[in-house]
Amino acid sequence: MNITKALWVAAAFALVSIAGCTNGQGPTNIAGKQRIENKTAFTLAVMHGTQLHQVAPSQSIELDINSFNITISLANSAGRIDRLVLKYNPGRCPVAHCVEVN
């Protein structure tokens, strides 16, 4: 994964944080789960705070919503991330926030 993709992923999560804070959800009252869905053909490396999670193709992981940063990259730098889709309380996602990685 080149540095440009990493910067876009970081920017997307920064926008998610800003959107949550400007919607009356400050860091003291964020709660619930967020799901990272891997729609790629490659394994993702998802860092949540200091914990590293491997997410296989067509799998997902649910993480607590808290003050920890989330970084999504490709395991072993193999493959490509084309798009991130951010969803808030979507009908087909039973958690508060979903990130679909394509």
PDB file of N, CA and C in Angstrom:
ATOM      1  N   MET A   1       0.858  -1.176   0.000  1.00  0.00           N
ATOM      2  CA  MET A   1       0.000   0.000   0.000  1.00  0.00           C
ATOM      3  C   MET A   1       0.897   1.229   0.000  1.00  0.00           C
ATOM      4  N   ASN A   2       0.645   2.145  -0.909  1.00  0.00           N
ATOM      5  CA  ASN A   2       1.470   3.344  -0.929  1.00  0.00           C
ATOM      6  C   ASN A   2       0.989   4.339   0.119  1.00  0.00           C
ATOM      7  N   ILE A   3       1.782   5.349   0.355  1.00  0.00           N
ATOM      8  CA  ILE A   3       1.492   6.317   1.418  1.00  0.00           C
ATOM      9  C   ILE A   3       0.216   7.104   1.134  1.00  0.00           C
ATOM     10  N   THR A   4      -0.120   7.302  -0.145  1.00  0.00           N
ATOM     11  CA  THR A   4      -1.333   8.036  -0.483  1.00  0.00           C
ATOM     12  C   THR A   4      -2.570   7.325   0.044  1.00  0.00           C
ATOM     13  N   LYS A   5      -2.642   6.001  -0.124  1.00  0.00           N
ATOM     14  CA  LYS A   5      -3.789   5.237   0.390  1.00  0.00           C
ATOM     15  C   LYS A   5      -3.870   5.350   1.902  1.00  0.00           C
ATOM     16  N   ALA A   6      -2.735   5.248   2.573  1.00  0.00           N
ATOM     17  CA  ALA A   6      -2.725   5.349   4.038  1.00  0.00           C
ATOM     18  C   ALA A   6      -3.232   6.716   4.486  1.00  0.00           C
ATOM     19  N   LEU A   7      -2.850   7.762   3.778  1.00  0.00           N
ATOM     20  CA  LEU A   7      -3.309   9.105   4.128  1.00  0.00           C
ATOM     21  C   LEU A   7      -4.810   9.257   3.902  1.00  0.00           C
ATOM     22  N   TRP A   8      -5.347   8.673   2.821  1.00  0.00           N
ATOM     23  CA  TRP A   8      -6.787   8.740   2.577  1.00  0.00           C
ATOM     24  C   TRP A   8      -7.562   8.000   3.654  1.00  0.00           C
ATOM     25  N   VAL A   9      -7.056   6.850   4.085  1.00  0.00           N
ATOM     26  CA  VAL A   9      -7.718   6.094   5.148  1.00  0.00           C
ATOM     27  C   VAL A   9      -7.718   6.917   6.432  1.00  0.00           C
ATOM     28  N   ALA A  10      -6.584   7.517   6.774  1.00  0.00           N
ATOM     29  CA  ALA A  10      -6.497   8.343   7.983  1.00  0.00           C
ATOM     30  C   ALA A  10      -7.436   9.549   7.884  1.00  0.00           C
ATOM     31  N   ALA A  11      -7.509  10.158   6.709  1.00  0.00           N
ATOM     32  CA  ALA A  11      -8.392  11.312   6.521  1.00  0.00           C
ATOM     33  C   ALA A  11      -9.859  10.919   6.675  1.00  0.00           C
ATOM     34  N   ALA A  12     -10.225   9.758   6.169  1.00  0.00           N
ATOM     35  CA  ALA A  12     -11.611   9.295   6.288  1.00  0.00           C
ATOM     36  C   ALA A  12     -12.003   9.119   7.746  1.00  0.00           C
ATOM     37  N   PHE A  13     -11.124   8.525   8.534  1.00  0.00           N
ATOM     38  CA  PHE A  13     -11.454   8.329   9.940  1.00  0.00           C
ATOM     39  C   PHE A  13     -11.426   9.640  10.713  1.00  0.00           C
ATOM     40  N   ALA A  14     -10.602  10.582  10.298  1.00  0.00           N
ATOM     41  CA  ALA A  14     -10.620  11.899  10.938  1.00  0.00           C
ATOM     42  C   ALA A  14     -11.961  12.582  10.680  1.00  0.00           C
ATOM     43  N   LEU A  15     -12.477  12.461   9.456  1.00  0.00           N
ATOM     44  CA  LEU A  15     -13.781  13.046   9.140  1.00  0.00           C
ATOM     45  C   LEU A  15     -14.899  12.381   9.924  1.00  0.00           C
ATOM     46  N   VAL A  16     -14.798  11.081  10.124  1.00  0.00           N
ATOM     47  CA  VAL A  16     -15.798  10.370  10.932  1.00  0.00           C
ATOM     48  C   VAL A  16     -15.800  10.922  12.347  1.00  0.00           C
ATOM     49  N   SER A  17     -14.632  11.126  12.908  1.00  0.00           N
ATOM     50  CA  SER A  17     -14.530  11.654  14.267  1.00  0.00           C
ATOM     51  C   SER A  17     -15.106  13.058  14.358  1.00  0.00           C
ATOM     52  N   ILE A  18     -14.783  13.897  13.384  1.00  0.00           N
ATOM     53  CA  ILE A  18     -15.287  15.269  13.383  1.00  0.00           C
ATOM     54  C   ILE A  18     -16.805  15.266  13.243  1.00  0.00           C
ATOM     55  N   ALA A  19     -17.333  14.434  12.347  1.00  0.00           N
ATOM     56  CA  ALA A  19     -18.786  14.369  12.150  1.00  0.00           C
ATOM     57  C   ALA A  19     -19.485  13.940  13.429  1.00  0.00           C
ATOM     58  N   GLY A  20     -18.939  12.982  14.130  1.00  0.00           N
ATOM     59  CA  GLY A  20     -19.534  12.534  15.389  1.00  0.00           C
ATOM     60  C   GLY A  20     -19.508  13.618  16.445  1.00  0.00           C
ATOM     61  N   CYS A  21     -18.422  14.357  16.524  1.00  0.00           N
ATOM     62  CA  CYS A  21     -18.300  15.403  17.544  1.00  0.00           C
ATOM     63  C   CYS A  21     -19.197  16.592  17.243  1.00  0.00           C
ATOM     64  N   THR A  22     -19.385  16.942  15.970  1.00  0.00           N
ATOM     65  CA  THR A  22     -20.229  18.082  15.643  1.00  0.00           C
ATOM     66  C   THR A  22     -21.705  17.719  15.688  1.00  0.00           C
ATOM     67  N   ASN A  23     -22.012  16.453  15.843  1.00  0.00           N
ATOM     68  CA  ASN A  23     -23.400  16.004  15.921  1.00  0.00           C
ATOM     69  C   ASN A  23     -23.824  15.805  17.373  1.00  0.00           C
ATOM     70  N   GLY A  24     -23.138  16.444  18.311  1.00  0.00           N
ATOM     71  CA  GLY A  24     -23.504  16.341  19.711  1.00  0.00           C
ATOM     72  C   GLY A  24     -22.956  15.123  20.418  1.00  0.00           C
ATOM     73  N   GLN A  25     -22.099  14.372  19.771  1.00  0.00           N
ATOM     74  CA  GLN A  25     -21.524  13.189  20.389  1.00  0.00           C
ATOM     75  C   GLN A  25     -20.059  13.461  20.695  1.00  0.00           C
ATOM     76  N   GLY A  26     -19.804  14.022  21.840  1.00  0.00           N
ATOM     77  CA  GLY A  26     -18.433  14.299  22.238  1.00  0.00           C
ATOM     78  C   GLY A  26     -17.749  13.042  22.714  1.00  0.00           C
ATOM     79  N   PRO A  27     -16.463  13.116  22.973  1.00  0.00           N
ATOM     80  CA  PRO A  27     -15.701  11.936  23.363  1.00  0.00           C
ATOM     81  C   PRO A  27     -16.125  11.338  24.692  1.00  0.00           C
ATOM     82  N   THR A  28     -16.920  12.050  25.497  1.00  0.00           N
ATOM     83  CA  THR A  28     -17.328  11.486  26.781  1.00  0.00           C
ATOM     84  C   THR A  28     -18.579  10.636  26.683  1.00  0.00           C
ATOM     85  N   ASN A  29     -19.288  10.686  25.562  1.00  0.00           N
ATOM     86  CA  ASN A  29     -20.522   9.911  25.485  1.00  0.00           C
ATOM     87  C   ASN A  29     -20.626   9.003  24.267  1.00  0.00           C
ATOM     88  N   ILE A  30     -19.532   8.734  23.583  1.00  0.00           N
ATOM     89  CA  ILE A  30     -19.550   7.795  22.468  1.00  0.00           C
ATOM     90  C   ILE A  30     -19.617   6.389  23.042  1.00  0.00           C
ATOM     91  N   ALA A  31     -20.526   5.581  22.531  1.00  0.00           N
ATOM     92  CA  ALA A  31     -20.662   4.217  23.025  1.00  0.00           C
ATOM     93  C   ALA A  31     -21.167   3.325  21.902  1.00  0.00           C
ATOM     94  N   GLY A  32     -21.030   2.043  22.090  1.00  0.00           N
ATOM     95  CA  GLY A  32     -21.553   1.090  21.123  1.00  0.00           C
ATOM     96  C   GLY A  32     -20.455   0.351  20.391  1.00  0.00           C
ATOM     97  N   LYS A  33     -20.832  -0.219  19.279  1.00  0.00           N
ATOM     98  CA  LYS A  33     -19.926  -1.024  18.462  1.00  0.00           C
ATOM     99  C   LYS A  33     -19.799  -0.418  17.075  1.00  0.00           C
ATOM    100  N   GLN A  34     -18.653  -0.671  16.463  1.00  0.00           N
ATOM    101  CA  GLN A  34     -18.457  -0.329  15.064  1.00  0.00           C
ATOM    102  C   GLN A  34     -17.947  -1.577  14.360  1.00  0.00           C
ATOM    103  N   ARG A  35     -18.372  -1.752  13.140  1.00  0.00           N
ATOM    104  CA  ARG A  35     -18.002  -2.943  12.385  1.00  0.00           C
ATOM    105  C   ARG A  35     -17.118  -2.546  11.213  1.00  0.00           C
ATOM    106  N   ILE A  36     -16.050  -3.298  11.019  1.00  0.00           N
ATOM    107  CA  ILE A  36     -15.185  -3.152   9.853  1.00  0.00           C
ATOM    108  C   ILE A  36     -15.457  -4.370   8.976  1.00  0.00           C
ATOM    109  N   GLU A  37     -15.985  -4.152   7.768  1.00  0.00           N
ATOM    110  CA  GLU A  37     -16.316  -5.236   6.846  1.00  0.00           C
ATOM    111  C   GLU A  37     -15.290  -5.272   5.723  1.00  0.00           C
ATOM    112  N   ASN A  38     -14.668  -6.428   5.516  1.00  0.00           N
ATOM    113  CA  ASN A  38     -13.671  -6.585   4.465  1.00  0.00           C
ATOM    114  C   ASN A  38     -14.346  -7.132   3.212  1.00  0.00           C
ATOM    115  N   LYS A  39     -14.564  -6.273   2.231  1.00  0.00           N
ATOM    116  CA  LYS A  39     -15.172  -6.672   0.961  1.00  0.00           C
ATOM    117  C   LYS A  39     -14.108  -6.858  -0.124  1.00  0.00           C
ATOM    118  N   THR A  40     -12.830  -6.817   0.263  1.00  0.00           N
ATOM    119  CA  THR A  40     -11.747  -6.998  -0.700  1.00  0.00           C
ATOM    120  C   THR A  40     -11.413  -8.483  -0.826  1.00  0.00           C
ATOM    121  N   ALA A  41     -10.502  -8.798  -1.717  1.00  0.00           N
ATOM    122  CA  ALA A  41     -10.020 -10.169  -1.879  1.00  0.00           C
ATOM    123  C   ALA A  41      -8.737 -10.398  -1.086  1.00  0.00           C
ATOM    124  N   PHE A  42      -8.398  -9.455  -0.210  1.00  0.00           N
ATOM    125  CA  PHE A  42      -7.135  -9.510   0.522  1.00  0.00           C
ATOM    126  C   PHE A  42      -7.378  -9.397   2.023  1.00  0.00           C
ATOM    127  N   THR A  43      -6.433  -9.866   2.816  1.00  0.00           N
ATOM    128  CA  THR A  43      -6.529  -9.766   4.271  1.00  0.00           C
ATOM    129  C   THR A  43      -6.190  -8.344   4.708  1.00  0.00           C
ATOM    130  N   LEU A  44      -7.011  -7.800   5.610  1.00  0.00           N
ATOM    131  CA  LEU A  44      -6.776  -6.463   6.151  1.00  0.00           C
ATOM    132  C   LEU A  44      -6.095  -6.555   7.507  1.00  0.00           C
ATOM    133  N   ALA A  45      -5.262  -5.583   7.799  1.00  0.00           N
ATOM    134  CA  ALA A  45      -4.684  -5.409   9.132  1.00  0.00           C
ATOM    135  C   ALA A  45      -5.394  -4.204   9.745  1.00  0.00           C
ATOM    136  N   VAL A  46      -6.124  -4.437  10.836  1.00  0.00           N
ATOM    137  CA  VAL A  46      -6.890  -3.379  11.493  1.00  0.00           C
ATOM    138  C   VAL A  46      -6.282  -3.130  12.864  1.00  0.00           C
ATOM    139  N   MET A  47      -5.719  -1.943  13.051  1.00  0.00           N
ATOM    140  CA  MET A  47      -5.168  -1.551  14.351  1.00  0.00           C
ATOM    141  C   MET A  47      -6.237  -0.772  15.104  1.00  0.00           C
ATOM    142  N   HIS A  48      -6.535  -1.219  16.315  1.00  0.00           N
ATOM    143  CA  HIS A  48      -7.494  -0.533  17.187  1.00  0.00           C
ATOM    144  C   HIS A  48      -6.746  -0.238  18.470  1.00  0.00           C
ATOM    145  N   GLY A  49      -6.289   1.003  18.606  1.00  0.00           N
ATOM    146  CA  GLY A  49      -5.388   1.314  19.715  1.00  0.00           C
ATOM    147  C   GLY A  49      -4.071   0.589  19.479  1.00  0.00           C
ATOM    148  N   THR A  50      -3.695  -0.292  20.393  1.00  0.00           N
ATOM    149  CA  THR A  50      -2.450  -1.062  20.238  1.00  0.00           C
ATOM    150  C   THR A  50      -2.716  -2.497  19.803  1.00  0.00           C
ATOM    151  N   GLN A  51      -3.983  -2.850  19.602  1.00  0.00           N
ATOM    152  CA  GLN A  51      -4.324  -4.218  19.219  1.00  0.00           C
ATOM    153  C   GLN A  51      -4.398  -4.352  17.705  1.00  0.00           C
ATOM    154  N   LEU A  52      -3.719  -5.379  17.183  1.00  0.00           N
ATOM    155  CA  LEU A  52      -3.739  -5.667  15.752  1.00  0.00           C
ATOM    156  C   LEU A  52      -4.703  -6.818  15.496  1.00  0.00           C
ATOM    157  N   HIS A  53      -5.616  -6.614  14.552  1.00  0.00           N
ATOM    158  CA  HIS A  53      -6.580  -7.645  14.165  1.00  0.00           C
ATOM    159  C   HIS A  53      -6.403  -7.927  12.677  1.00  0.00           C
ATOM    160  N   GLN A  54      -6.393  -9.202  12.304  1.00  0.00           N
ATOM    161  CA  GLN A  54      -6.369  -9.603  10.901  1.00  0.00           C
ATOM    162  C   GLN A  54      -7.808  -9.918  10.494  1.00  0.00           C
ATOM    163  N   VAL A  55      -8.264  -9.330   9.400  1.00  0.00           N
ATOM    164  CA  VAL A  55      -9.622  -9.567   8.918  1.00  0.00           C
ATOM    165  C   VAL A  55      -9.523 -10.167   7.516  1.00  0.00           C
ATOM    166  N   ALA A  56      -9.917 -11.423   7.405  1.00  0.00           N
ATOM    167  CA  ALA A  56      -9.834 -12.154   6.141  1.00  0.00           C
ATOM    168  C   ALA A  56     -10.864 -11.624   5.140  1.00  0.00           C
ATOM    169  N   PRO A  57     -10.675 -11.923   3.854  1.00  0.00           N
ATOM    170  CA  PRO A  57     -11.656 -11.510   2.849  1.00  0.00           C
ATOM    171  C   PRO A  57     -13.059 -12.015   3.200  1.00  0.00           C
ATOM    172  N   SER A  58     -14.054 -11.187   2.948  1.00  0.00           N
ATOM    173  CA  SER A  58     -15.472 -11.479   3.208  1.00  0.00           C
ATOM    174  C   SER A  58     -15.801 -11.659   4.685  1.00  0.00           C
ATOM    175  N   GLN A  59     -14.925 -11.245   5.574  1.00  0.00           N
ATOM    176  CA  GLN A  59     -15.163 -11.329   7.015  1.00  0.00           C
ATOM    177  C   GLN A  59     -15.315  -9.918   7.581  1.00  0.00           C
ATOM    178  N   SER A  60     -15.722  -9.835   8.841  1.00  0.00           N
ATOM    179  CA  SER A  60     -15.842  -8.538   9.502  1.00  0.00           C
ATOM    180  C   SER A  60     -15.414  -8.673  10.951  1.00  0.00           C
ATOM    181  N   ILE A  61     -15.199  -7.528  11.584  1.00  0.00           N
ATOM    182  CA  ILE A  61     -14.832  -7.490  12.993  1.00  0.00           C
ATOM    183  C   ILE A  61     -15.616  -6.357  13.642  1.00  0.00           C
ATOM    184  N   GLU A  62     -16.084  -6.583  14.863  1.00  0.00           N
ATOM    185  CA  GLU A  62     -16.776  -5.538  15.609  1.00  0.00           C
ATOM    186  C   GLU A  62     -15.873  -5.058  16.731  1.00  0.00           C
ATOM    187  N   LEU A  63     -15.708  -3.744  16.814  1.00  0.00           N
ATOM    188  CA  LEU A  63     -14.838  -3.121  17.805  1.00  0.00           C
ATOM    189  C   LEU A  63     -15.644  -2.122  18.627  1.00  0.00           C
ATOM    190  N   ASP A  64     -15.242  -1.935  19.875  1.00  0.00           N
ATOM    191  CA  ASP A  64     -15.882  -0.924  20.712  1.00  0.00           C
ATOM    192  C   ASP A  64     -15.607   0.463  20.152  1.00  0.00           C
ATOM    193  N   ILE A  65     -16.595   1.339  20.232  1.00  0.00           N
ATOM    194  CA  ILE A  65     -16.387   2.738  19.881  1.00  0.00           C
ATOM    195  C   ILE A  65     -15.809   3.409  21.121  1.00  0.00           C
ATOM    196  N   ASN A  66     -14.612   3.923  20.982  1.00  0.00           N
ATOM    197  CA  ASN A  66     -13.943   4.594  22.095  1.00  0.00           C
ATOM    198  C   ASN A  66     -12.947   5.599  21.529  1.00  0.00           C
ATOM    199  N   SER A  67     -12.039   6.057  22.352  1.00  0.00           N
ATOM    200  CA  SER A  67     -11.102   7.096  21.920  1.00  0.00           C
ATOM    201  C   SER A  67      -9.904   6.547  21.150  1.00  0.00           C
ATOM    202  N   PHE A  68      -9.819   5.226  20.959  1.00  0.00           N
ATOM    203  CA  PHE A  68      -8.682   4.655  20.237  1.00  0.00           C
ATOM    204  C   PHE A  68      -8.769   4.960  18.743  1.00  0.00           C
ATOM    205  N   ASN A  69      -7.625   5.222  18.139  1.00  0.00           N
ATOM    206  CA  ASN A  69      -7.558   5.383  16.694  1.00  0.00           C
ATOM    207  C   ASN A  69      -7.736   4.029  16.029  1.00  0.00           C
ATOM    208  N   ILE A  70      -8.252   4.048  14.815  1.00  0.00           N
ATOM    209  CA  ILE A  70      -8.350   2.838  14.001  1.00  0.00           C
ATOM    210  C   ILE A  70      -7.576   3.100  12.721  1.00  0.00           C
ATOM    211  N   THR A  71      -6.688   2.177  12.391  1.00  0.00           N
ATOM    212  CA  THR A  71      -5.924   2.260  11.155  1.00  0.00           C
ATOM    213  C   THR A  71      -6.170   0.984  10.369  1.00  0.00           C
ATOM    214  N   ILE A  72      -6.571   1.129   9.112  1.00  0.00           N
ATOM    215  CA  ILE A  72      -6.819  -0.021   8.251  1.00  0.00           C
ATOM    216  C   ILE A  72      -5.762  -0.025   7.162  1.00  0.00           C
ATOM    217  N   SER A  73      -5.114  -1.161   6.999  1.00  0.00           N
ATOM    218  CA  SER A  73      -4.137  -1.312   5.926  1.00  0.00           C
ATOM    219  C   SER A  73      -4.228  -2.735   5.402  1.00  0.00           C
ATOM    220  N   LEU A  74      -3.473  -3.015   4.382  1.00  0.00           N
ATOM    221  CA  LEU A  74      -3.433  -4.359   3.827  1.00  0.00           C
ATOM    222  C   LEU A  74      -2.344  -5.156   4.524  1.00  0.00           C
ATOM    223  N   ALA A  75      -2.666  -6.370   4.939  1.00  0.00           N
ATOM    224  CA  ALA A  75      -1.663  -7.235   5.561  1.00  0.00           C
ATOM    225  C   ALA A  75      -0.583  -7.535   4.528  1.00  0.00           C
ATOM    226  N   ASN A  76       0.656  -7.435   4.931  1.00  0.00           N
ATOM    227  CA  ASN A  76       1.808  -7.696   4.057  1.00  0.00           C
ATOM    228  C   ASN A  76       1.846  -6.799   2.823  1.00  0.00           C
ATOM    229  N   SER A  77       1.145  -5.678   2.854  1.00  0.00           N
ATOM    230  CA  SER A  77       1.105  -4.726   1.733  1.00  0.00           C
ATOM    231  C   SER A  77       0.686  -5.381   0.425  1.00  0.00           C
ATOM    232  N   ALA A  78      -0.078  -6.469   0.515  1.00  0.00           N
ATOM    233  CA  ALA A  78      -0.520  -7.182  -0.684  1.00  0.00           C
ATOM    234  C   ALA A  78      -1.937  -6.753  -1.027  1.00  0.00           C
ATOM    235  N   GLY A  79      -2.152  -6.362  -2.281  1.00  0.00           N
ATOM    236  CA  GLY A  79      -3.491  -6.003  -2.721  1.00  0.00           C
ATOM    237  C   GLY A  79      -3.710  -4.512  -2.811  1.00  0.00           C
ATOM    238  N   ARG A  80      -4.992  -4.135  -2.772  1.00  0.00           N
ATOM    239  CA  ARG A  80      -5.338  -2.740  -2.982  1.00  0.00           C
ATOM    240  C   ARG A  80      -6.676  -2.425  -2.317  1.00  0.00           C
ATOM    241  N   ILE A  81      -6.771  -1.263  -1.701  1.00  0.00           N
ATOM    242  CA  ILE A  81      -8.030  -0.755  -1.162  1.00  0.00           C
ATOM    243  C   ILE A  81      -8.517   0.314  -2.132  1.00  0.00           C
ATOM    244  N   ASP A  82      -9.687   0.091  -2.713  1.00  0.00           N
ATOM    245  CA  ASP A  82     -10.224   1.031  -3.690  1.00  0.00           C
ATOM    246  C   ASP A  82     -11.147   2.074  -3.079  1.00  0.00           C
ATOM    247  N   ARG A  83     -11.883   1.689  -2.007  1.00  0.00           N
ATOM    248  CA  ARG A  83     -12.902   2.597  -1.499  1.00  0.00           C
ATOM    249  C   ARG A  83     -13.252   2.241  -0.062  1.00  0.00           C
ATOM    250  N   LEU A  84     -13.597   3.264   0.730  1.00  0.00           N
ATOM    251  CA  LEU A  84     -14.157   3.086   2.073  1.00  0.00           C
ATOM    252  C   LEU A  84     -15.569   3.646   2.060  1.00  0.00           C
ATOM    253  N   VAL A  85     -16.514   2.905   2.629  1.00  0.00           N
ATOM    254  CA  VAL A  85     -17.893   3.364   2.735  1.00  0.00           C
ATOM    255  C   VAL A  85     -18.215   3.467   4.221  1.00  0.00           C
ATOM    256  N   LEU A  86     -18.559   4.662   4.690  1.00  0.00           N
ATOM    257  CA  LEU A  86     -18.891   4.894   6.094  1.00  0.00           C
ATOM    258  C   LEU A  86     -20.405   4.930   6.241  1.00  0.00           C
ATOM    259  N   LYS A  87     -20.932   4.132   7.177  1.00  0.00           N
ATOM    260  CA  LYS A  87     -22.382   4.045   7.370  1.00  0.00           C
ATOM    261  C   LYS A  87     -22.697   4.276   8.838  1.00  0.00           C
ATOM    262  N   TYR A  88     -23.674   5.135   9.107  1.00  0.00           N
ATOM    263  CA  TYR A  88     -24.118   5.400  10.473  1.00  0.00           C
ATOM    264  C   TYR A  88     -25.509   4.818  10.670  1.00  0.00           C
ATOM    265  N   ASN A  89     -25.634   3.894  11.600  1.00  0.00           N
ATOM    266  CA  ASN A  89     -26.913   3.245  11.911  1.00  0.00           C
ATOM    267  C   ASN A  89     -27.671   2.806  10.660  1.00  0.00           C
ATOM    268  N   PRO A  90     -26.992   2.136   9.732  1.00  0.00           N
ATOM    269  CA  PRO A  90     -27.691   1.697   8.523  1.00  0.00           C
ATOM    270  C   PRO A  90     -28.643   0.544   8.826  1.00  0.00           C
ATOM    271  N   GLY A  91     -29.664   0.398   8.008  1.00  0.00           N
ATOM    272  CA  GLY A  91     -30.666  -0.629   8.229  1.00  0.00           C
ATOM    273  C   GLY A  91     -30.120  -2.043   8.227  1.00  0.00           C
ATOM    274  N   ARG A  92     -29.128  -2.328   7.404  1.00  0.00           N
ATOM    275  CA  ARG A  92     -28.623  -3.699   7.331  1.00  0.00           C
ATOM    276  C   ARG A  92     -27.402  -3.935   8.216  1.00  0.00           C
ATOM    277  N   CYS A  93     -27.045  -2.970   9.038  1.00  0.00           N
ATOM    278  CA  CYS A  93     -25.901  -3.106   9.944  1.00  0.00           C
ATOM    279  C   CYS A  93     -26.401  -2.876  11.366  1.00  0.00           C
ATOM    280  N   PRO A  94     -26.399  -3.906  12.224  1.00  0.00           N
ATOM    281  CA  PRO A  94     -26.999  -3.789  13.553  1.00  0.00           C
ATOM    282  C   PRO A  94     -26.155  -3.032  14.572  1.00  0.00           C
ATOM    283  N   VAL A  95     -25.047  -2.461  14.160  1.00  0.00           N
ATOM    284  CA  VAL A  95     -24.208  -1.698  15.076  1.00  0.00           C
ATOM    285  C   VAL A  95     -24.331  -0.215  14.747  1.00  0.00           C
ATOM    286  N   ALA A  96     -23.758   0.646  15.593  1.00  0.00           N
ATOM    287  CA  ALA A  96     -23.909   2.092  15.426  1.00  0.00           C
ATOM    288  C   ALA A  96     -23.191   2.640  14.198  1.00  0.00           C
ATOM    289  N   HIS A  97     -22.092   2.015  13.810  1.00  0.00           N
ATOM    290  CA  HIS A  97     -21.241   2.568  12.762  1.00  0.00           C
ATOM    291  C   HIS A  97     -20.599   1.426  11.996  1.00  0.00           C
ATOM    292  N   CYS A  98     -20.680   1.463  10.670  1.00  0.00           N
ATOM    293  CA  CYS A  98     -20.047   0.436   9.839  1.00  0.00           C
ATOM    294  C   CYS A  98     -19.068   1.087   8.870  1.00  0.00           C
ATOM    295  N   VAL A  99     -17.939   0.439   8.667  1.00  0.00           N
ATOM    296  CA  VAL A  99     -16.974   0.843   7.652  1.00  0.00           C
ATOM    297  C   VAL A  99     -16.837  -0.331   6.703  1.00  0.00           C
ATOM    298  N   GLU A 100     -17.200  -0.114   5.450  1.00  0.00           N
ATOM    299  CA  GLU A 100     -17.084  -1.150   4.429  1.00  0.00           C
ATOM    300  C   GLU A 100     -15.836  -0.851   3.618  1.00  0.00           C
ATOM    301  N   VAL A 101     -14.916  -1.802   3.563  1.00  0.00           N
ATOM    302  CA  VAL A 101     -13.661  -1.623   2.835  1.00  0.00           C
ATOM    303  C   VAL A 101     -13.756  -2.400   1.533  1.00  0.00           C
ATOM    304  N   ASN A 102     -13.657  -1.678   0.407  1.00  0.00           N
ATOM    305  CA  ASN A 102     -13.748  -2.294  -0.921  1.00  0.00           C
ATOM    306  C   ASN A 102     -12.421  -2.180  -1.635  1.00  0.00           C
TER     307      ASN A 102
END
